[in-house]
N, C-alpha and C. Protein backbone atom coordinates (compact mmCIF):
# COMPACT_ATOMS: atom_id res chain seq x y z
N MET A 1 0.62 -32.44 -30.17
CA MET A 1 0.64 -31.58 -29.81
C MET A 1 0.93 -31.92 -28.39
N THR A 2 1.75 -31.55 -27.52
CA THR A 2 1.92 -31.87 -25.94
C THR A 2 0.99 -30.75 -25.00
N PRO A 3 0.07 -31.15 -24.44
CA PRO A 3 -0.74 -29.65 -23.57
C PRO A 3 0.93 -29.15 -22.87
N ALA A 4 0.72 -27.78 -22.20
CA ALA A 4 1.96 -27.67 -21.86
C ALA A 4 1.68 -27.87 -20.06
N THR A 5 2.42 -28.24 -19.39
CA THR A 5 2.33 -28.29 -17.87
C THR A 5 2.58 -27.20 -16.76
N ILE A 6 0.95 -26.79 -16.64
CA ILE A 6 0.61 -26.28 -15.67
C ILE A 6 1.35 -26.13 -13.97
N THR A 7 1.67 -25.21 -13.42
CA THR A 7 2.43 -25.56 -11.94
C THR A 7 1.51 -24.46 -10.92
N VAL A 8 1.47 -24.66 -9.82
CA VAL A 8 0.11 -23.50 -9.20
C VAL A 8 1.10 -23.10 -8.17
N ARG A 9 1.80 -22.20 -7.86
CA ARG A 9 2.61 -21.89 -6.63
C ARG A 9 1.78 -20.93 -5.59
N ALA A 10 2.58 -20.69 -4.75
CA ALA A 10 2.05 -19.14 -3.61
C ALA A 10 2.67 -18.01 -4.60
N TYR A 11 2.14 -16.97 -4.15
CA TYR A 11 2.48 -15.36 -4.62
C TYR A 11 4.13 -15.67 -3.83
N ILE A 12 4.73 -14.78 -4.60
CA ILE A 12 5.64 -14.00 -4.34
C ILE A 12 5.59 -12.47 -4.24
N GLU A 13 6.52 -11.96 -3.61
CA GLU A 13 6.79 -10.44 -3.55
C GLU A 13 7.56 -10.59 -5.35
N GLY A 14 6.78 -9.61 -5.80
CA GLY A 14 7.79 -8.88 -7.06
C GLY A 14 6.60 -9.92 -8.23
N ASP A 15 5.60 -10.17 -7.45
CA ASP A 15 4.33 -11.23 -8.82
C ASP A 15 3.27 -9.78 -9.16
N ALA A 16 3.25 -9.20 -8.52
CA ALA A 16 2.36 -8.16 -8.62
C ALA A 16 2.21 -7.07 -9.88
N PRO A 17 3.49 -6.34 -10.39
CA PRO A 17 3.37 -5.60 -11.82
C PRO A 17 2.66 -6.97 -12.64
N ARG A 18 3.21 -7.79 -12.78
CA ARG A 18 2.54 -8.69 -13.80
C ARG A 18 1.55 -9.22 -13.54
N LEU A 19 1.10 -9.43 -12.36
CA LEU A 19 -0.58 -9.91 -12.13
C LEU A 19 -1.81 -8.81 -12.39
N THR A 20 -1.15 -7.79 -11.90
CA THR A 20 -2.35 -6.39 -12.58
C THR A 20 -2.20 -6.13 -13.82
N ALA A 21 -0.98 -6.60 -15.21
CA ALA A 21 -0.95 -6.12 -16.18
C ALA A 21 -2.18 -7.57 -16.66
N LEU A 22 -1.91 -8.87 -16.23
CA LEU A 22 -2.60 -9.76 -16.67
C LEU A 22 -4.14 -9.94 -16.75
N PHE A 23 -4.22 -9.14 -15.18
CA PHE A 23 -5.85 -8.52 -14.88
C PHE A 23 -6.85 -7.36 -16.02
N HIS A 24 -6.11 -6.81 -16.06
CA HIS A 24 -6.27 -5.62 -17.11
C HIS A 24 -6.26 -5.90 -18.50
N ASP A 25 -5.46 -6.62 -18.77
CA ASP A 25 -5.36 -7.30 -20.29
C ASP A 25 -6.21 -8.51 -20.58
N SER A 26 -6.65 -9.28 -19.38
CA SER A 26 -7.87 -10.41 -19.56
C SER A 26 -9.20 -9.88 -19.70
N VAL A 27 -9.38 -8.13 -18.99
CA VAL A 27 -10.71 -7.95 -19.14
C VAL A 27 -10.53 -7.51 -20.12
N HIS A 28 -9.94 -6.78 -21.07
CA HIS A 28 -10.11 -6.28 -22.22
C HIS A 28 -9.52 -7.28 -23.42
N ARG A 29 -9.30 -8.55 -23.36
CA ARG A 29 -8.84 -9.23 -24.77
C ARG A 29 -9.55 -10.34 -24.27
N VAL A 30 -9.79 -10.97 -23.53
CA VAL A 30 -10.85 -12.39 -23.28
C VAL A 30 -12.29 -12.46 -24.14
N PRO A 31 -12.47 -12.45 -24.82
CA PRO A 31 -14.10 -12.57 -25.71
C PRO A 31 -14.86 -12.97 -24.81
N SER A 32 -15.72 -11.89 -24.87
CA SER A 32 -17.16 -11.75 -24.00
C SER A 32 -18.22 -11.29 -24.45
N PRO A 33 -19.04 -12.23 -25.33
CA PRO A 33 -20.40 -11.66 -25.70
C PRO A 33 -21.57 -10.39 -24.40
N HIS A 34 -21.08 -11.15 -23.63
CA HIS A 34 -21.79 -10.38 -22.34
C HIS A 34 -21.42 -8.55 -21.69
N ASP A 35 -19.91 -8.44 -22.49
CA ASP A 35 -19.27 -6.81 -21.73
C ASP A 35 -19.20 -6.45 -23.28
N ASP A 36 -19.10 -4.88 -23.25
CA ASP A 36 -19.16 -3.95 -24.37
C ASP A 36 -18.10 -3.50 -23.94
N THR A 37 -17.83 -2.20 -24.60
CA THR A 37 -16.37 -1.51 -24.21
C THR A 37 -16.82 -0.95 -23.00
N GLN A 38 -17.71 -0.67 -22.89
CA GLN A 38 -18.40 0.38 -21.77
C GLN A 38 -17.78 -0.27 -20.46
N GLN A 39 -18.17 -1.70 -20.55
CA GLN A 39 -18.02 -2.37 -19.50
C GLN A 39 -16.92 -2.49 -19.13
N ARG A 40 -15.90 -2.79 -19.93
CA ARG A 40 -14.69 -3.35 -19.58
C ARG A 40 -13.52 -2.38 -18.89
N ARG A 41 -14.26 -0.86 -19.59
CA ARG A 41 -13.47 0.39 -18.99
C ARG A 41 -13.77 0.52 -17.47
N ALA A 42 -14.97 0.05 -17.84
CA ALA A 42 -15.23 0.30 -15.98
C ALA A 42 -14.91 -0.44 -15.12
N TRP A 43 -14.62 -2.18 -15.61
CA TRP A 43 -14.24 -3.23 -14.80
C TRP A 43 -12.86 -2.57 -14.60
N SER A 44 -12.11 -2.51 -15.58
CA SER A 44 -10.27 -2.12 -15.49
C SER A 44 -10.18 -0.73 -16.26
N PRO A 45 -10.26 0.30 -15.87
CA PRO A 45 -9.97 1.60 -16.55
C PRO A 45 -8.71 1.80 -17.32
N VAL A 46 -7.92 1.05 -16.17
CA VAL A 46 -6.41 1.39 -16.75
C VAL A 46 -5.65 -0.06 -15.81
N VAL A 47 -4.26 -0.76 -16.25
CA VAL A 47 -3.80 -1.16 -15.41
C VAL A 47 -3.71 -0.92 -13.60
N PRO A 48 -4.55 -1.62 -12.81
CA PRO A 48 -4.15 -1.19 -11.19
C PRO A 48 -2.60 -0.98 -10.72
N ASP A 49 -2.58 -0.33 -9.64
CA ASP A 49 -1.55 -0.04 -9.08
C ASP A 49 -1.04 -1.43 -8.42
N ALA A 50 0.41 -1.11 -9.01
CA ALA A 50 0.78 -2.82 -8.46
C ALA A 50 1.49 -2.49 -6.99
N ALA A 51 1.81 -1.51 -6.31
CA ALA A 51 1.86 -1.48 -5.07
C ALA A 51 0.61 -2.05 -4.04
N VAL A 52 -0.39 -1.50 -4.45
CA VAL A 52 -1.52 -1.52 -3.77
C VAL A 52 -1.98 -2.90 -3.85
N TRP A 53 -1.95 -4.30 -5.11
CA TRP A 53 -1.97 -5.10 -4.80
C TRP A 53 -1.00 -6.18 -4.34
N GLN A 54 0.39 -5.85 -4.18
CA GLN A 54 1.24 -6.46 -3.55
C GLN A 54 0.77 -6.19 -2.05
N ARG A 55 0.26 -5.47 -1.41
CA ARG A 55 -0.19 -5.15 0.01
C ARG A 55 -1.29 -6.30 0.09
N ARG A 56 -2.02 -6.17 -0.90
CA ARG A 56 -3.50 -6.55 -0.82
C ARG A 56 -2.86 -8.73 -0.91
N MET A 57 -2.12 -8.47 -1.95
CA MET A 57 -1.98 -10.27 -2.26
C MET A 57 -1.28 -10.54 -1.11
N THR A 58 -0.29 -10.04 -0.30
CA THR A 58 0.75 -10.68 0.52
C THR A 58 -0.65 -10.68 1.78
N ALA A 59 -1.45 -9.94 1.76
CA ALA A 59 -2.31 -10.02 3.06
C ALA A 59 -3.38 -11.37 2.49
N ARG A 60 -3.52 -11.99 1.16
CA ARG A 60 -4.51 -13.23 1.51
C ARG A 60 -3.45 -14.00 0.51
N PRO A 61 -4.13 -15.17 0.73
CA PRO A 61 -3.32 -16.52 0.31
C PRO A 61 -3.47 -16.47 -1.40
N THR A 62 -2.93 -16.20 -2.31
CA THR A 62 -2.72 -15.77 -3.60
C THR A 62 -2.17 -17.16 -4.59
N ARG A 63 -2.67 -17.70 -5.50
CA ARG A 63 -2.05 -18.67 -6.22
C ARG A 63 -1.59 -17.99 -7.41
N VAL A 64 -0.58 -18.63 -7.75
CA VAL A 64 0.06 -18.09 -9.10
C VAL A 64 -0.10 -19.20 -10.20
N ALA A 65 -0.39 -19.53 -11.41
CA ALA A 65 -0.20 -20.44 -12.18
C ALA A 65 1.14 -19.88 -13.51
N MET A 66 1.87 -21.41 -13.40
CA MET A 66 3.02 -20.73 -14.67
C MET A 66 3.01 -22.01 -15.72
N ILE A 67 3.31 -21.27 -16.51
CA ILE A 67 3.36 -22.51 -17.60
C ILE A 67 5.01 -22.18 -17.86
N GLY A 68 5.60 -22.87 -17.46
CA GLY A 68 7.20 -22.95 -17.28
C GLY A 68 7.60 -21.88 -16.70
N ASP A 69 8.48 -20.37 -16.85
CA ASP A 69 9.12 -19.65 -16.32
C ASP A 69 8.17 -18.28 -16.19
N THR A 70 6.39 -18.76 -17.34
CA THR A 70 5.43 -17.29 -17.57
C THR A 70 4.72 -17.86 -16.62
N ILE A 71 3.90 -16.68 -16.36
CA ILE A 71 3.08 -16.39 -15.45
C ILE A 71 2.01 -16.49 -15.95
N VAL A 72 0.32 -17.54 -15.96
CA VAL A 72 -0.13 -17.36 -16.64
C VAL A 72 -1.64 -17.15 -16.14
N GLY A 73 -1.80 -16.78 -14.92
CA GLY A 73 -3.00 -16.75 -14.07
C GLY A 73 -3.03 -16.77 -12.71
N PHE A 74 -3.92 -16.29 -12.22
CA PHE A 74 -3.98 -15.94 -10.58
C PHE A 74 -5.19 -16.18 -10.18
N ALA A 75 -5.10 -16.66 -8.57
CA ALA A 75 -6.57 -16.57 -8.21
C ALA A 75 -5.53 -16.41 -6.58
N GLU A 76 -7.10 -15.80 -6.10
CA GLU A 76 -6.60 -14.93 -4.64
C GLU A 76 -8.02 -15.33 -4.11
N PHE A 77 -7.57 -15.74 -2.74
CA PHE A 77 -8.38 -16.62 -1.75
C PHE A 77 -8.06 -15.62 -0.46
N ASP A 78 -10.32 -15.44 -0.37
CA ASP A 78 -10.12 -14.62 1.12
C ASP A 78 -10.52 -16.03 1.95
N PRO A 79 -9.49 -15.96 3.26
CA PRO A 79 -10.18 -17.42 3.91
C PRO A 79 -11.64 -16.82 4.61
N PRO A 80 -12.20 -17.96 5.51
CA PRO A 80 -12.19 -19.14 5.38
C PRO A 80 -12.76 -19.70 3.37
N ASP A 81 -13.64 -18.84 3.04
CA ASP A 81 -14.24 -19.48 1.84
C ASP A 81 -14.93 -18.72 0.78
N HIS A 82 -13.83 -17.43 0.45
CA HIS A 82 -14.19 -16.91 -0.64
C HIS A 82 -13.14 -16.83 -1.36
N LEU A 83 -13.52 -17.15 -3.13
CA LEU A 83 -12.71 -16.99 -4.14
C LEU A 83 -12.94 -15.28 -4.51
N ASP A 84 -12.39 -14.37 -4.31
CA ASP A 84 -12.09 -13.46 -4.61
C ASP A 84 -12.09 -12.72 -6.00
N MET A 85 -10.54 -14.05 -7.03
CA MET A 85 -10.50 -13.45 -8.05
C MET A 85 -10.34 -14.21 -8.93
N LEU A 86 -10.29 -14.84 -9.96
CA LEU A 86 -10.12 -15.88 -10.74
C LEU A 86 -9.52 -15.57 -12.30
N TYR A 87 -7.84 -14.98 -12.92
CA TYR A 87 -8.09 -14.43 -14.10
C TYR A 87 -6.78 -15.30 -14.73
N VAL A 88 -7.29 -15.59 -16.21
CA VAL A 88 -6.05 -16.18 -16.79
C VAL A 88 -5.87 -15.34 -17.86
N ASP A 89 -4.47 -15.48 -18.26
CA ASP A 89 -4.10 -14.72 -19.45
C ASP A 89 -4.99 -15.28 -20.82
N ALA A 90 -5.29 -13.75 -21.39
CA ALA A 90 -5.97 -14.45 -22.53
C ALA A 90 -5.50 -14.86 -23.62
N ASP A 91 -4.14 -15.18 -23.66
CA ASP A 91 -3.18 -15.99 -24.32
C ASP A 91 -3.28 -17.80 -24.06
N HIS A 92 -3.73 -17.76 -22.86
CA HIS A 92 -3.57 -19.29 -22.27
C HIS A 92 -5.42 -19.54 -22.23
N GLN A 93 -6.21 -19.08 -22.45
CA GLN A 93 -8.09 -19.52 -22.24
C GLN A 93 -7.74 -21.06 -22.73
N GLY A 94 -9.02 -21.50 -22.21
CA GLY A 94 -8.93 -23.13 -22.78
C GLY A 94 -7.72 -23.69 -22.22
N GLN A 95 -6.83 -23.76 -21.50
CA GLN A 95 -5.64 -25.11 -21.93
C GLN A 95 -5.88 -25.17 -19.92
N GLY A 96 -6.31 -25.35 -19.17
CA GLY A 96 -6.39 -26.13 -18.33
C GLY A 96 -5.98 -25.11 -16.75
N VAL A 97 -5.87 -23.53 -17.30
CA VAL A 97 -5.09 -23.05 -16.15
C VAL A 97 -6.14 -22.43 -14.81
N ALA A 98 -7.46 -22.14 -15.95
CA ALA A 98 -8.33 -22.04 -14.21
C ALA A 98 -8.56 -23.36 -13.38
N THR A 99 -8.58 -24.32 -14.30
CA THR A 99 -8.85 -25.56 -13.23
C THR A 99 -7.94 -25.93 -12.35
N ALA A 100 -6.78 -25.82 -12.82
CA ALA A 100 -5.78 -25.59 -11.34
C ALA A 100 -5.64 -24.59 -10.87
N LEU A 101 -5.78 -23.57 -11.01
CA LEU A 101 -5.97 -22.80 -10.39
C LEU A 101 -6.95 -22.95 -8.92
N LEU A 102 -7.92 -22.91 -9.95
CA LEU A 102 -9.37 -23.19 -9.25
C LEU A 102 -9.43 -24.74 -7.86
N ASP A 103 -8.55 -25.52 -8.15
CA ASP A 103 -8.22 -27.07 -7.56
C ASP A 103 -7.58 -26.44 -6.83
N ALA A 104 -6.53 -25.58 -6.58
CA ALA A 104 -5.51 -25.07 -5.49
C ALA A 104 -6.45 -24.79 -4.32
N VAL A 105 -7.40 -23.50 -5.02
CA VAL A 105 -8.16 -23.37 -4.20
C VAL A 105 -9.26 -23.68 -3.09
N ILE A 106 -9.87 -25.04 -3.96
CA ILE A 106 -10.76 -25.57 -2.97
C ILE A 106 -10.03 -26.55 -2.19
N ALA A 107 -7.59 -26.90 -2.34
CA ALA A 107 -7.71 -27.74 -1.64
C ALA A 107 -7.30 -26.78 -0.32
N GLN A 108 -6.71 -25.78 -0.84
CA GLN A 108 -6.45 -24.70 0.73
C GLN A 108 -7.77 -24.56 1.66
N ALA A 109 -9.14 -24.25 1.22
CA ALA A 109 -9.97 -24.07 1.55
C ALA A 109 -10.42 -25.07 2.24
N ARG A 110 -10.52 -26.29 2.24
CA ARG A 110 -10.88 -27.84 2.69
C ARG A 110 -9.53 -27.92 3.86
N ASP A 111 -8.77 -27.65 3.46
CA ASP A 111 -7.46 -27.39 4.46
C ASP A 111 -7.95 -26.63 5.81
N LEU A 112 -8.24 -25.36 5.45
CA LEU A 112 -8.84 -24.50 6.53
C LEU A 112 -9.89 -24.66 7.19
N GLY A 113 -11.09 -26.20 6.68
CA GLY A 113 -11.92 -26.50 7.44
C GLY A 113 -13.82 -26.13 6.76
N ALA A 114 -12.97 -24.89 5.45
CA ALA A 114 -14.21 -24.73 4.86
C ALA A 114 -15.32 -25.40 4.44
N ARG A 115 -16.17 -24.87 4.81
CA ARG A 115 -17.75 -26.22 3.93
C ARG A 115 -18.13 -26.09 2.71
N ARG A 116 -17.70 -24.43 2.57
CA ARG A 116 -18.04 -24.23 1.02
C ARG A 116 -17.50 -23.59 0.63
N LEU A 117 -17.34 -22.87 -0.95
CA LEU A 117 -16.60 -21.95 -1.44
C LEU A 117 -17.77 -20.97 -2.18
N VAL A 118 -17.55 -19.85 -2.23
CA VAL A 118 -17.93 -19.07 -2.54
C VAL A 118 -17.81 -17.91 -3.89
N THR A 119 -18.07 -17.44 -4.44
CA THR A 119 -17.44 -16.57 -5.47
C THR A 119 -18.58 -15.87 -6.17
N GLU A 120 -18.63 -14.33 -6.62
CA GLU A 120 -18.92 -13.96 -7.95
C GLU A 120 -18.24 -14.19 -9.09
N ALA A 121 -18.88 -14.66 -10.04
CA ALA A 121 -18.87 -14.75 -11.81
C ALA A 121 -19.27 -13.80 -12.47
N SER A 122 -18.74 -13.70 -13.59
CA SER A 122 -19.12 -12.83 -14.41
C SER A 122 -19.82 -13.68 -15.19
N PRO A 123 -20.70 -12.93 -16.24
CA PRO A 123 -21.41 -13.49 -17.19
C PRO A 123 -20.42 -15.03 -17.72
N ILE A 124 -19.26 -14.42 -18.15
CA ILE A 124 -18.13 -15.03 -19.30
C ILE A 124 -18.13 -16.61 -17.85
N ALA A 125 -17.71 -15.88 -16.83
CA ALA A 125 -17.20 -17.16 -16.18
C ALA A 125 -18.12 -18.54 -15.76
N ARG A 126 -19.33 -17.92 -15.30
CA ARG A 126 -20.45 -18.26 -15.08
C ARG A 126 -20.41 -20.01 -15.46
N PRO A 127 -20.48 -20.19 -16.84
CA PRO A 127 -19.98 -21.35 -17.25
C PRO A 127 -18.75 -22.55 -16.97
N PHE A 128 -17.85 -22.08 -16.55
CA PHE A 128 -16.77 -22.64 -15.84
C PHE A 128 -16.78 -23.07 -14.92
N PHE A 129 -17.99 -22.43 -13.71
CA PHE A 129 -17.82 -22.24 -12.47
C PHE A 129 -19.33 -23.71 -12.24
N THR A 130 -20.09 -23.45 -13.03
CA THR A 130 -21.12 -24.72 -12.79
C THR A 130 -20.56 -25.40 -13.31
N ALA A 131 -19.92 -25.80 -14.70
CA ALA A 131 -19.29 -26.78 -14.81
C ALA A 131 -18.35 -27.76 -13.93
N ARG A 132 -18.21 -26.75 -12.72
CA ARG A 132 -16.91 -27.11 -11.75
C ARG A 132 -17.71 -26.92 -10.27
N GLY A 133 -19.08 -27.44 -10.15
CA GLY A 133 -19.77 -27.65 -9.44
C GLY A 133 -20.56 -26.87 -8.67
N PHE A 134 -20.60 -25.10 -8.91
CA PHE A 134 -20.77 -24.80 -8.40
C PHE A 134 -22.25 -24.25 -9.13
N ALA A 135 -22.85 -23.70 -7.56
CA ALA A 135 -24.35 -23.70 -8.33
C ALA A 135 -24.73 -22.20 -7.92
N THR A 136 -25.68 -21.62 -9.13
CA THR A 136 -26.17 -20.09 -8.86
C THR A 136 -26.41 -19.96 -7.82
N ARG A 137 -26.42 -18.47 -6.69
CA ARG A 137 -27.80 -18.62 -5.68
C ARG A 137 -28.59 -17.40 -6.33
N ARG A 138 -27.52 -16.48 -6.64
CA ARG A 138 -28.24 -15.08 -6.78
C ARG A 138 -27.72 -14.36 -8.29
N GLU A 139 -28.92 -13.91 -8.96
CA GLU A 139 -27.20 -12.67 -10.02
C GLU A 139 -27.83 -11.45 -8.90
N GLU A 140 -26.58 -10.67 -9.63
CA GLU A 140 -26.91 -9.13 -8.80
C GLU A 140 -26.04 -7.93 -9.70
N THR A 141 -26.52 -7.26 -9.57
CA THR A 141 -25.51 -5.94 -10.78
C THR A 141 -24.79 -5.30 -9.87
N VAL A 142 -23.31 -5.00 -9.79
CA VAL A 142 -22.39 -3.97 -8.88
C VAL A 142 -22.48 -2.88 -10.24
N GLU A 143 -22.09 -1.88 -9.40
CA GLU A 143 -22.05 -0.35 -10.05
C GLU A 143 -20.49 0.03 -9.88
N ARG A 144 -19.89 0.39 -11.02
CA ARG A 144 -18.03 0.98 -11.63
C ARG A 144 -18.32 2.13 -12.20
N ASP A 145 -18.58 2.97 -11.76
CA ASP A 145 -18.23 4.67 -12.51
C ASP A 145 -19.02 4.65 -13.06
N GLY A 146 -20.48 4.55 -12.48
CA GLY A 146 -22.00 4.52 -13.07
C GLY A 146 -22.31 3.44 -13.92
N VAL A 147 -21.34 2.68 -14.55
CA VAL A 147 -21.88 1.21 -15.26
C VAL A 147 -22.00 0.40 -14.51
N ALA A 148 -23.27 -0.27 -14.68
CA ALA A 148 -23.79 -1.23 -14.60
C ALA A 148 -23.26 -2.43 -14.72
N LEU A 149 -22.36 -3.63 -13.82
CA LEU A 149 -22.36 -4.58 -14.31
C LEU A 149 -22.94 -6.07 -13.79
N ARG A 150 -23.18 -6.94 -14.66
CA ARG A 150 -23.95 -8.33 -13.86
C ARG A 150 -22.94 -9.33 -13.06
N ARG A 151 -23.67 -10.16 -12.29
CA ARG A 151 -22.49 -11.16 -11.79
C ARG A 151 -23.19 -11.87 -10.82
N PHE A 152 -22.57 -12.91 -10.73
CA PHE A 152 -23.64 -14.08 -10.06
C PHE A 152 -23.02 -14.89 -9.10
N VAL A 153 -23.56 -14.81 -7.64
CA VAL A 153 -23.18 -15.05 -6.74
C VAL A 153 -23.57 -16.42 -6.71
N MET A 154 -22.61 -17.86 -6.94
CA MET A 154 -21.94 -18.92 -6.72
C MET A 154 -21.38 -19.55 -5.37
N GLU A 155 -21.40 -20.73 -5.07
CA GLU A 155 -21.51 -21.64 -4.13
C GLU A 155 -21.29 -22.79 -4.86
N ARG A 156 -20.28 -23.36 -4.38
CA ARG A 156 -19.68 -24.96 -3.93
C ARG A 156 -19.89 -25.73 -2.76
N MET A 157 -20.16 -26.46 -2.56
CA MET A 157 -20.25 -27.03 -1.07
C MET A 157 -18.94 -28.14 -1.34
N LEU A 158 -18.20 -28.14 -0.15
CA LEU A 158 -17.03 -28.69 0.17
C LEU A 158 -16.77 -30.17 0.72
N ILE A 159 -17.70 -29.92 1.67
CA ILE A 159 -18.13 -31.76 2.44
C ILE A 159 -19.37 -31.78 1.97
N ASP A 160 -19.56 -33.06 2.74
CA ASP A 160 -21.18 -33.49 2.02
C ASP A 160 -22.59 -32.71 3.52
N PRO A 161 -23.61 -32.77 3.00
CA PRO A 161 -24.15 -32.27 4.29
C PRO A 161 -24.42 -33.13 5.14
């Protein structure tokens, strides 16, 4: 079976409803031995408001991954050097979608002259980022609705020191 072709494009008006649904669904459906139901509910209790995300994603460079006409992931970049979100549809895990999105963000960060890229990775995402050259700088805990959530501040240098 031939792998599907993934294309990455800029966010366009009208993507927000699909991206909010994809975010919420991936939080709840992507298998993770690190998160329990309470933590998933705290991270995404409901599908986020699409109008709020529309404003947010219009203001920041957001990349959208497509397979054919289907949105399968997205990454939100906060210039000059912060990867704020990277989510892949639960049914498209392990198909190269996250890598395609990360590559697009890295290229954009380099174009903007960033020396590094920083993100806060969940325990399930940490191995993905480690395999792509990110180093863990520290572990931290954030609280959502009274529930503690672990994450890792990770950094990848984009230029030689």
